[in-house]
Amino acid sequence: MSSSPSHIPRESVDVARSLREATLHVFASSDDLDLSRRFADGHKAVLSASGISNLTSFDEEWVGDPDTTLFLLTAQDEEVLLSGMRLQKRQKDNALPLERAVGADHPQVMAAIDEVQDEGCAEFCALWSRRETAMAGIGMLPMACVGLGLMPRLDIRHGYAFMGVNMRPIQRELGFSINTSWGEDGVFPYPAPPIRSEIGHFMYPESIENAAPDVQALIRRSAEEPSHVHSIDGRFHPISYRIQNHLA
């Protein structure tokens, strides 16, 4: 289907055209319960509109968790939520969403993560984006790069991401590798056939060199300068992308 403006509701086009600046807020869920719940609502709304209504990342047990970091892209003084991502740190008594999704049928996944638990493990999950965001020319890569750059600050060495196989190009661009010994050659029938997903693994800092050059640069900048502003070449005009890190 074409992604031209004529195929998108007028109000979505108006929002996309008006975007000249956006702010990525990075914060611990425990520091803003209201914004955490708005994040959860935005995630469910976007995926439900795509026909996905039953994911382990939909649960809200993480709300208020100091070890869950949220990345929320907003516009118009936080009135409009554009996209989001969650970085959920694993605890011995709190499994990652991907483990709850496939661990029962694939115990080797939990066993492998158990082996590196003490090095710091977390999952990049609940990734969502409104259509206006992509239409304006704002991809998910900047947000993902900020998350990867913050891994050492959060005492995370192993980052995992459960994504559809259609996301392989993005996984490679970000420097993630796929463990083909998990599932069926690395693939899981999740959330339900015919959709297939795989688990990407990013080890900090070794995996940085596997990422695309521009991704490497943004990961390193995010590690060295957690709050900064850079420009994005939007579809209609340049967009100021401000990163506001609220982590203590």
C-alpha atoms as a PDB file:
ATOM      1  CA  MET A   1       0.000   0.000   0.000  1.00  0.00           C
ATOM      2  CA  SER A   2       1.261   3.460  -0.800  1.00  0.00           C
ATOM      3  CA  SER A   3       2.427   5.675   2.081  1.00  0.00           C
ATOM      4  CA  SER A   4       1.655   8.899   0.221  1.00  0.00           C
ATOM      5  CA  PRO A   5      -0.278  11.587   2.128  1.00  0.00           C
ATOM      6  CA  SER A   6      -3.397  10.919   0.034  1.00  0.00           C
ATOM      7  CA  HIS A   7      -3.777   7.530   1.722  1.00  0.00           C
ATOM      8  CA  ILE A   8      -3.518   8.911   5.273  1.00  0.00           C
ATOM      9  CA  PRO A   9      -6.199  10.784   7.268  1.00  0.00           C
ATOM     10  CA  ARG A  10      -6.001  14.569   6.973  1.00  0.00           C
ATOM     11  CA  GLU A  11      -5.428  15.037  10.705  1.00  0.00           C
ATOM     12  CA  SER A  12      -2.388  12.740  10.588  1.00  0.00           C
ATOM     13  CA  VAL A  13      -0.955  14.689   7.692  1.00  0.00           C
ATOM     14  CA  ASP A  14      -1.435  17.938   9.608  1.00  0.00           C
ATOM     15  CA  VAL A  15       0.421  16.597  12.653  1.00  0.00           C
ATOM     16  CA  ALA A  16       3.288  15.317  10.497  1.00  0.00           C
ATOM     17  CA  ARG A  17       3.621  18.594   8.590  1.00  0.00           C
ATOM     18  CA  SER A  18       3.641  20.628  11.793  1.00  0.00           C
ATOM     19  CA  LEU A  19       6.513  18.703  13.378  1.00  0.00           C
ATOM     20  CA  ARG A  20       9.576  20.925  13.519  1.00  0.00           C
ATOM     21  CA  GLU A  21      10.872  19.754  16.863  1.00  0.00           C
ATOM     22  CA  ALA A  22      10.442  16.713  19.079  1.00  0.00           C
ATOM     23  CA  THR A  23      11.744  15.834  22.526  1.00  0.00           C
ATOM     24  CA  LEU A  24      12.840  12.370  23.601  1.00  0.00           C
ATOM     25  CA  HIS A  25      12.326  12.050  27.349  1.00  0.00           C
ATOM     26  CA  VAL A  26      14.398   9.367  29.076  1.00  0.00           C
ATOM     27  CA  PHE A  27      13.301   8.545  32.605  1.00  0.00           C
ATOM     28  CA  ALA A  28      12.851   5.774  35.150  1.00  0.00           C
ATOM     29  CA  SER A  29       9.246   4.612  35.363  1.00  0.00           C
ATOM     30  CA  SER A  30       9.305   5.162  39.125  1.00  0.00           C
ATOM     31  CA  ASP A  31       9.938   8.881  38.545  1.00  0.00           C
ATOM     32  CA  ASP A  32       6.751   9.564  36.553  1.00  0.00           C
ATOM     33  CA  LEU A  33       3.830   7.185  36.991  1.00  0.00           C
ATOM     34  CA  ASP A  34       1.417   9.298  34.954  1.00  0.00           C
ATOM     35  CA  LEU A  35       3.699   9.470  31.936  1.00  0.00           C
ATOM     36  CA  SER A  36       4.440   5.759  32.330  1.00  0.00           C
ATOM     37  CA  ARG A  37       0.740   4.948  32.036  1.00  0.00           C
ATOM     38  CA  ARG A  38       0.401   7.247  29.019  1.00  0.00           C
ATOM     39  CA  PHE A  39       3.298   5.342  27.467  1.00  0.00           C
ATOM     40  CA  ALA A  40       1.494   2.037  28.085  1.00  0.00           C
ATOM     41  CA  ASP A  41      -1.729   3.377  26.577  1.00  0.00           C
ATOM     42  CA  GLY A  42       0.127   4.618  23.492  1.00  0.00           C
ATOM     43  CA  HIS A  43       1.807   1.239  23.022  1.00  0.00           C
ATOM     44  CA  LYS A  44      -1.458  -0.668  23.220  1.00  0.00           C
ATOM     45  CA  ALA A  45      -3.302   1.751  20.942  1.00  0.00           C
ATOM     46  CA  VAL A  46      -0.715   1.568  18.151  1.00  0.00           C
ATOM     47  CA  LEU A  47      -0.389  -2.219  18.184  1.00  0.00           C
ATOM     48  CA  SER A  48      -4.105  -2.841  18.629  1.00  0.00           C
ATOM     49  CA  ALA A  49      -4.704  -0.726  15.516  1.00  0.00           C
ATOM     50  CA  SER A  50      -2.428  -3.182  13.691  1.00  0.00           C
ATOM     51  CA  GLY A  51      -4.426  -6.169  14.945  1.00  0.00           C
ATOM     52  CA  ILE A  52      -1.992  -7.179  17.709  1.00  0.00           C
ATOM     53  CA  SER A  53      -3.716  -7.457  21.074  1.00  0.00           C
ATOM     54  CA  ASN A  54      -1.840 -10.053  23.119  1.00  0.00           C
ATOM     55  CA  LEU A  55       1.843  -9.458  23.837  1.00  0.00           C
ATOM     56  CA  THR A  56       3.743 -10.158  27.055  1.00  0.00           C
ATOM     57  CA  SER A  57       5.115  -6.597  26.839  1.00  0.00           C
ATOM     58  CA  PHE A  58       1.522  -5.315  27.228  1.00  0.00           C
ATOM     59  CA  ASP A  59       1.473  -6.031  30.963  1.00  0.00           C
ATOM     60  CA  GLU A  60       1.891  -3.045  33.272  1.00  0.00           C
ATOM     61  CA  GLU A  61       3.721  -4.692  36.145  1.00  0.00           C
ATOM     62  CA  TRP A  62       6.715  -2.554  35.212  1.00  0.00           C
ATOM     63  CA  VAL A  63       4.909   0.719  35.976  1.00  0.00           C
ATOM     64  CA  GLY A  64       6.723   2.312  38.900  1.00  0.00           C
ATOM     65  CA  ASP A  65       9.759   0.041  38.564  1.00  0.00           C
ATOM     66  CA  PRO A  66      13.013   1.975  39.106  1.00  0.00           C
ATOM     67  CA  ASP A  67      14.846  -0.559  36.891  1.00  0.00           C
ATOM     68  CA  THR A  68      12.596   0.129  33.897  1.00  0.00           C
ATOM     69  CA  THR A  69      13.739   3.030  31.732  1.00  0.00           C
ATOM     70  CA  LEU A  70      11.286   4.644  29.330  1.00  0.00           C
ATOM     71  CA  PHE A  71      12.065   6.500  26.113  1.00  0.00           C
ATOM     72  CA  LEU A  72       9.128   8.666  25.074  1.00  0.00           C
ATOM     73  CA  LEU A  73       9.199  10.962  22.055  1.00  0.00           C
ATOM     74  CA  THR A  74       6.815  13.890  22.411  1.00  0.00           C
ATOM     75  CA  ALA A  75       5.799  17.077  20.646  1.00  0.00           C
ATOM     76  CA  GLN A  76       3.760  20.191  21.404  1.00  0.00           C
ATOM     77  CA  ASP A  77       4.908  20.453  25.044  1.00  0.00           C
ATOM     78  CA  GLU A  78       4.294  16.758  25.766  1.00  0.00           C
ATOM     79  CA  GLU A  79       0.681  16.974  24.590  1.00  0.00           C
ATOM     80  CA  VAL A  80       1.357  14.625  21.668  1.00  0.00           C
ATOM     81  CA  LEU A  81       3.056  11.262  22.238  1.00  0.00           C
ATOM     82  CA  LEU A  82       4.795  10.191  19.041  1.00  0.00           C
ATOM     83  CA  SER A  83       6.659   6.977  19.825  1.00  0.00           C
ATOM     84  CA  GLY A  84       8.176   5.030  22.674  1.00  0.00           C
ATOM     85  CA  MET A  85      10.457   2.246  23.814  1.00  0.00           C
ATOM     86  CA  ARG A  86      11.023   0.470  27.106  1.00  0.00           C
ATOM     87  CA  LEU A  87      14.337  -0.817  28.465  1.00  0.00           C
ATOM     88  CA  GLN A  88      13.445  -3.331  31.138  1.00  0.00           C
ATOM     89  CA  LYS A  89      16.291  -4.610  33.295  1.00  0.00           C
ATOM     90  CA  ARG A  90      16.214  -8.245  34.335  1.00  0.00           C
ATOM     91  CA  GLN A  91      16.167  -9.165  37.996  1.00  0.00           C
ATOM     92  CA  LYS A  92      16.496 -12.659  39.424  1.00  0.00           C
ATOM     93  CA  ASP A  93      12.863 -12.551  40.515  1.00  0.00           C
ATOM     94  CA  ASN A  94      11.586 -10.695  37.440  1.00  0.00           C
ATOM     95  CA  ALA A  95      11.988 -12.350  34.034  1.00  0.00           C
ATOM     96  CA  LEU A  96      12.130 -10.371  30.803  1.00  0.00           C
ATOM     97  CA  PRO A  97       9.021 -10.190  28.589  1.00  0.00           C
ATOM     98  CA  LEU A  98      10.726 -12.331  25.940  1.00  0.00           C
ATOM     99  CA  GLU A  99      11.357 -15.051  28.532  1.00  0.00           C
ATOM    100  CA  ARG A 100       7.701 -15.075  29.528  1.00  0.00           C
ATOM    101  CA  ALA A 101       6.794 -15.257  25.843  1.00  0.00           C
ATOM    102  CA  VAL A 102       8.919 -18.232  24.801  1.00  0.00           C
ATOM    103  CA  GLY A 103      10.705 -19.530  27.913  1.00  0.00           C
ATOM    104  CA  ALA A 104       8.261 -22.339  28.643  1.00  0.00           C
ATOM    105  CA  ASP A 105       8.797 -23.931  25.229  1.00  0.00           C
ATOM    106  CA  HIS A 106      12.437 -22.905  24.883  1.00  0.00           C
ATOM    107  CA  PRO A 107      14.120 -23.206  28.315  1.00  0.00           C
ATOM    108  CA  GLN A 108      17.557 -22.737  26.724  1.00  0.00           C
ATOM    109  CA  VAL A 109      16.758 -19.040  26.332  1.00  0.00           C
ATOM    110  CA  MET A 110      16.272 -18.530  30.068  1.00  0.00           C
ATOM    111  CA  ALA A 111      19.297 -20.705  30.857  1.00  0.00           C
ATOM    112  CA  ALA A 112      21.527 -18.648  28.573  1.00  0.00           C
ATOM    113  CA  ILE A 113      20.377 -15.355  30.081  1.00  0.00           C
ATOM    114  CA  ASP A 114      20.806 -16.794  33.578  1.00  0.00           C
ATOM    115  CA  GLU A 115      24.483 -17.364  32.783  1.00  0.00           C
ATOM    116  CA  VAL A 116      25.099 -13.644  32.177  1.00  0.00           C
ATOM    117  CA  GLN A 117      22.617 -12.270  34.726  1.00  0.00           C
ATOM    118  CA  ASP A 118      25.356 -10.889  36.967  1.00  0.00           C
ATOM    119  CA  GLU A 119      26.806  -8.868  34.071  1.00  0.00           C
ATOM    120  CA  GLY A 120      23.551  -6.933  33.683  1.00  0.00           C
ATOM    121  CA  CYS A 121      20.769  -7.922  31.263  1.00  0.00           C
ATOM    122  CA  ALA A 122      17.812  -6.003  29.883  1.00  0.00           C
ATOM    123  CA  GLU A 123      15.302  -6.116  27.053  1.00  0.00           C
ATOM    124  CA  PHE A 124      14.478  -3.367  24.592  1.00  0.00           C
ATOM    125  CA  CYS A 125      10.737  -3.879  24.275  1.00  0.00           C
ATOM    126  CA  ALA A 126       7.343  -2.238  23.766  1.00  0.00           C
ATOM    127  CA  LEU A 127       8.599  -0.361  20.723  1.00  0.00           C
ATOM    128  CA  TRP A 128       5.801   1.662  19.143  1.00  0.00           C
ATOM    129  CA  SER A 129       5.341   4.625  16.848  1.00  0.00           C
ATOM    130  CA  ARG A 130       2.367   6.593  15.582  1.00  0.00           C
ATOM    131  CA  ARG A 131       1.991   6.833  11.805  1.00  0.00           C
ATOM    132  CA  GLU A 132       2.549  10.596  11.983  1.00  0.00           C
ATOM    133  CA  THR A 133       6.063  10.011  13.297  1.00  0.00           C
ATOM    134  CA  ALA A 134       7.190   7.947  10.332  1.00  0.00           C
ATOM    135  CA  MET A 135       5.339  10.205   7.925  1.00  0.00           C
ATOM    136  CA  ALA A 136       7.247  13.209   9.263  1.00  0.00           C
ATOM    137  CA  GLY A 137      10.485  11.339   8.577  1.00  0.00           C
ATOM    138  CA  ILE A 138      11.401  10.436  12.160  1.00  0.00           C
ATOM    139  CA  GLY A 139      12.552   6.823  12.326  1.00  0.00           C
ATOM    140  CA  MET A 140      13.109   4.667  15.402  1.00  0.00           C
ATOM    141  CA  LEU A 141      16.896   4.446  14.993  1.00  0.00           C
ATOM    142  CA  PRO A 142      17.752   7.621  16.989  1.00  0.00           C
ATOM    143  CA  MET A 143      15.714   6.393  19.961  1.00  0.00           C
ATOM    144  CA  ALA A 144      17.313   2.935  19.785  1.00  0.00           C
ATOM    145  CA  CYS A 145      20.796   4.467  19.579  1.00  0.00           C
ATOM    146  CA  VAL A 146      20.146   6.545  22.692  1.00  0.00           C
ATOM    147  CA  GLY A 147      19.094   3.384  24.538  1.00  0.00           C
ATOM    148  CA  LEU A 148      22.198   1.495  23.445  1.00  0.00           C
ATOM    149  CA  GLY A 149      24.420   4.383  24.460  1.00  0.00           C
ATOM    150  CA  LEU A 150      22.939   4.438  27.957  1.00  0.00           C
ATOM    151  CA  MET A 151      23.555   0.732  28.651  1.00  0.00           C
ATOM    152  CA  PRO A 152      26.751   1.234  30.723  1.00  0.00           C
ATOM    153  CA  ARG A 153      25.134   4.030  32.730  1.00  0.00           C
ATOM    154  CA  LEU A 154      22.381   1.564  33.657  1.00  0.00           C
ATOM    155  CA  ASP A 155      24.853  -1.271  34.417  1.00  0.00           C
ATOM    156  CA  ILE A 156      23.633  -3.285  31.440  1.00  0.00           C
ATOM    157  CA  ARG A 157      26.091  -5.289  29.357  1.00  0.00           C
ATOM    158  CA  HIS A 158      23.649  -7.544  27.503  1.00  0.00           C
ATOM    159  CA  GLY A 159      20.711  -5.989  25.682  1.00  0.00           C
ATOM    160  CA  TYR A 160      18.087  -8.157  23.981  1.00  0.00           C
ATOM    161  CA  ALA A 161      15.349  -7.263  21.517  1.00  0.00           C
ATOM    162  CA  PHE A 162      12.494  -9.534  20.353  1.00  0.00           C
ATOM    163  CA  MET A 163      11.571  -8.401  16.845  1.00  0.00           C
ATOM    164  CA  GLY A 164       9.790  -9.705  13.790  1.00  0.00           C
ATOM    165  CA  VAL A 165      12.022 -11.222  11.101  1.00  0.00           C
ATOM    166  CA  ASN A 166      11.032  -8.293   8.876  1.00  0.00           C
ATOM    167  CA  MET A 167      13.150  -6.121  11.186  1.00  0.00           C
ATOM    168  CA  ARG A 168      16.413  -7.937  10.363  1.00  0.00           C
ATOM    169  CA  PRO A 169      17.856  -5.010   8.372  1.00  0.00           C
ATOM    170  CA  ILE A 170      17.320  -2.694  11.342  1.00  0.00           C
ATOM    171  CA  GLN A 171      18.752  -5.241  13.786  1.00  0.00           C
ATOM    172  CA  ARG A 172      21.905  -5.484  11.648  1.00  0.00           C
ATOM    173  CA  GLU A 173      22.160  -1.708  11.272  1.00  0.00           C
ATOM    174  CA  LEU A 174      22.048  -1.373  15.063  1.00  0.00           C
ATOM    175  CA  GLY A 175      24.709  -4.049  15.580  1.00  0.00           C
ATOM    176  CA  PHE A 176      22.505  -6.779  17.059  1.00  0.00           C
ATOM    177  CA  SER A 177      23.354 -10.428  16.362  1.00  0.00           C
ATOM    178  CA  ILE A 178      20.899 -13.350  16.210  1.00  0.00           C
ATOM    179  CA  ASN A 179      21.533 -16.553  18.168  1.00  0.00           C
ATOM    180  CA  THR A 180      20.480 -19.227  15.678  1.00  0.00           C
ATOM    181  CA  SER A 181      20.701 -21.980  18.310  1.00  0.00           C
ATOM    182  CA  TRP A 182      17.533 -20.623  19.930  1.00  0.00           C
ATOM    183  CA  GLY A 183      14.113 -21.546  18.599  1.00  0.00           C
ATOM    184  CA  GLU A 184      14.137 -22.941  15.069  1.00  0.00           C
ATOM    185  CA  ASP A 185      17.333 -21.516  13.586  1.00  0.00           C
ATOM    186  CA  GLY A 186      16.776 -18.447  15.752  1.00  0.00           C
ATOM    187  CA  VAL A 187      13.112 -17.989  14.794  1.00  0.00           C
ATOM    188  CA  PHE A 188      10.028 -18.205  17.042  1.00  0.00           C
ATOM    189  CA  PRO A 189       6.342 -18.321  15.959  1.00  0.00           C
ATOM    190  CA  TYR A 190       5.452 -15.296  18.106  1.00  0.00           C
ATOM    191  CA  PRO A 191       3.066 -13.628  18.835  1.00  0.00           C
ATOM    192  CA  ALA A 192       1.132 -16.080  16.631  1.00  0.00           C
ATOM    193  CA  PRO A 193       1.610 -17.698  13.228  1.00  0.00           C
ATOM    194  CA  PRO A 194       2.197 -16.596  10.538  1.00  0.00           C
ATOM    195  CA  ILE A 195       4.192 -13.883  12.332  1.00  0.00           C
ATOM    196  CA  ARG A 196       7.755 -14.959  13.110  1.00  0.00           C
ATOM    197  CA  SER A 197      10.177 -13.238  15.474  1.00  0.00           C
ATOM    198  CA  GLU A 198      13.769 -13.564  16.585  1.00  0.00           C
ATOM    199  CA  ILE A 199      15.857 -12.425  19.539  1.00  0.00           C
ATOM    200  CA  GLY A 200      18.647  -9.972  18.871  1.00  0.00           C
ATOM    201  CA  HIS A 201      21.596  -9.596  21.256  1.00  0.00           C
ATOM    202  CA  PHE A 202      23.732  -6.488  21.741  1.00  0.00           C
ATOM    203  CA  MET A 203      26.808  -6.731  23.974  1.00  0.00           C
ATOM    204  CA  TYR A 204      28.200  -3.395  25.150  1.00  0.00           C
ATOM    205  CA  PRO A 205      30.684  -2.226  23.982  1.00  0.00           C
ATOM    206  CA  GLU A 206      31.744  -5.076  21.633  1.00  0.00           C
ATOM    207  CA  SER A 207      28.648  -4.907  19.413  1.00  0.00           C
ATOM    208  CA  ILE A 208      29.115  -1.216  18.616  1.00  0.00           C
ATOM    209  CA  GLU A 209      31.649  -2.026  15.901  1.00  0.00           C
ATOM    210  CA  ASN A 210      29.038  -4.223  14.162  1.00  0.00           C
ATOM    211  CA  ALA A 211      26.664  -1.272  13.753  1.00  0.00           C
ATOM    212  CA  ALA A 212      26.466   1.070  10.773  1.00  0.00           C
ATOM    213  CA  PRO A 213      28.944   4.011  10.973  1.00  0.00           C
ATOM    214  CA  ASP A 214      26.269   6.658  11.634  1.00  0.00           C
ATOM    215  CA  VAL A 215      24.705   4.434  14.290  1.00  0.00           C
ATOM    216  CA  GLN A 216      28.079   3.959  15.970  1.00  0.00           C
ATOM    217  CA  ALA A 217      28.529   7.729  16.124  1.00  0.00           C
ATOM    218  CA  LEU A 218      25.120   8.316  17.720  1.00  0.00           C
ATOM    219  CA  ILE A 219      25.574   5.488  20.239  1.00  0.00           C
ATOM    220  CA  ARG A 220      28.899   6.956  21.347  1.00  0.00           C
ATOM    221  CA  ARG A 221      27.519  10.488  21.494  1.00  0.00           C
ATOM    222  CA  SER A 222      24.587   9.302  23.615  1.00  0.00           C
ATOM    223  CA  ALA A 223      27.012   7.601  25.999  1.00  0.00           C
ATOM    224  CA  GLU A 224      29.183  10.716  26.307  1.00  0.00           C
ATOM    225  CA  GLU A 225      26.420  13.337  26.115  1.00  0.00           C
ATOM    226  CA  PRO A 226      23.152  11.872  27.491  1.00  0.00           C
ATOM    227  CA  SER A 227      21.229  15.110  26.809  1.00  0.00           C
ATOM    228  CA  HIS A 228      21.807  16.815  23.476  1.00  0.00           C
ATOM    229  CA  VAL A 229      20.119  18.122  20.333  1.00  0.00           C
ATOM    230  CA  HIS A 230      20.695  17.065  16.752  1.00  0.00           C
ATOM    231  CA  SER A 231      18.901  17.720  13.494  1.00  0.00           C
ATOM    232  CA  ILE A 232      16.952  15.179  11.450  1.00  0.00           C
ATOM    233  CA  ASP A 233      16.161  15.599   7.773  1.00  0.00           C
ATOM    234  CA  GLY A 234      12.382  15.336   7.976  1.00  0.00           C
ATOM    235  CA  ARG A 235      10.061  14.592   5.097  1.00  0.00           C
ATOM    236  CA  PHE A 236       8.695  18.138   4.996  1.00  0.00           C
ATOM    237  CA  HIS A 237      11.451  20.145   6.712  1.00  0.00           C
ATOM    238  CA  PRO A 238      14.367  19.735   9.160  1.00  0.00           C
ATOM    239  CA  ILE A 239      13.339  18.575  12.634  1.00  0.00           C
ATOM    240  CA  SER A 240      15.142  19.419  15.849  1.00  0.00           C
ATOM    241  CA  TYR A 241      15.479  16.177  17.838  1.00  0.00           C
ATOM    242  CA  ARG A 242      16.098  17.011  21.493  1.00  0.00           C
ATOM    243  CA  ILE A 243      17.139  14.317  23.972  1.00  0.00           C
ATOM    244  CA  GLN A 244      16.252  15.147  27.561  1.00  0.00           C
ATOM    245  CA  ASN A 245      17.755  12.652  29.978  1.00  0.00           C
ATOM    246  CA  HIS A 246      15.999  12.765  33.370  1.00  0.00           C
ATOM    247  CA  LEU A 247      17.925   9.877  34.952  1.00  0.00           C
ATOM    248  CA  ALA A 248      19.590  10.824  38.207  1.00  0.00           C
END
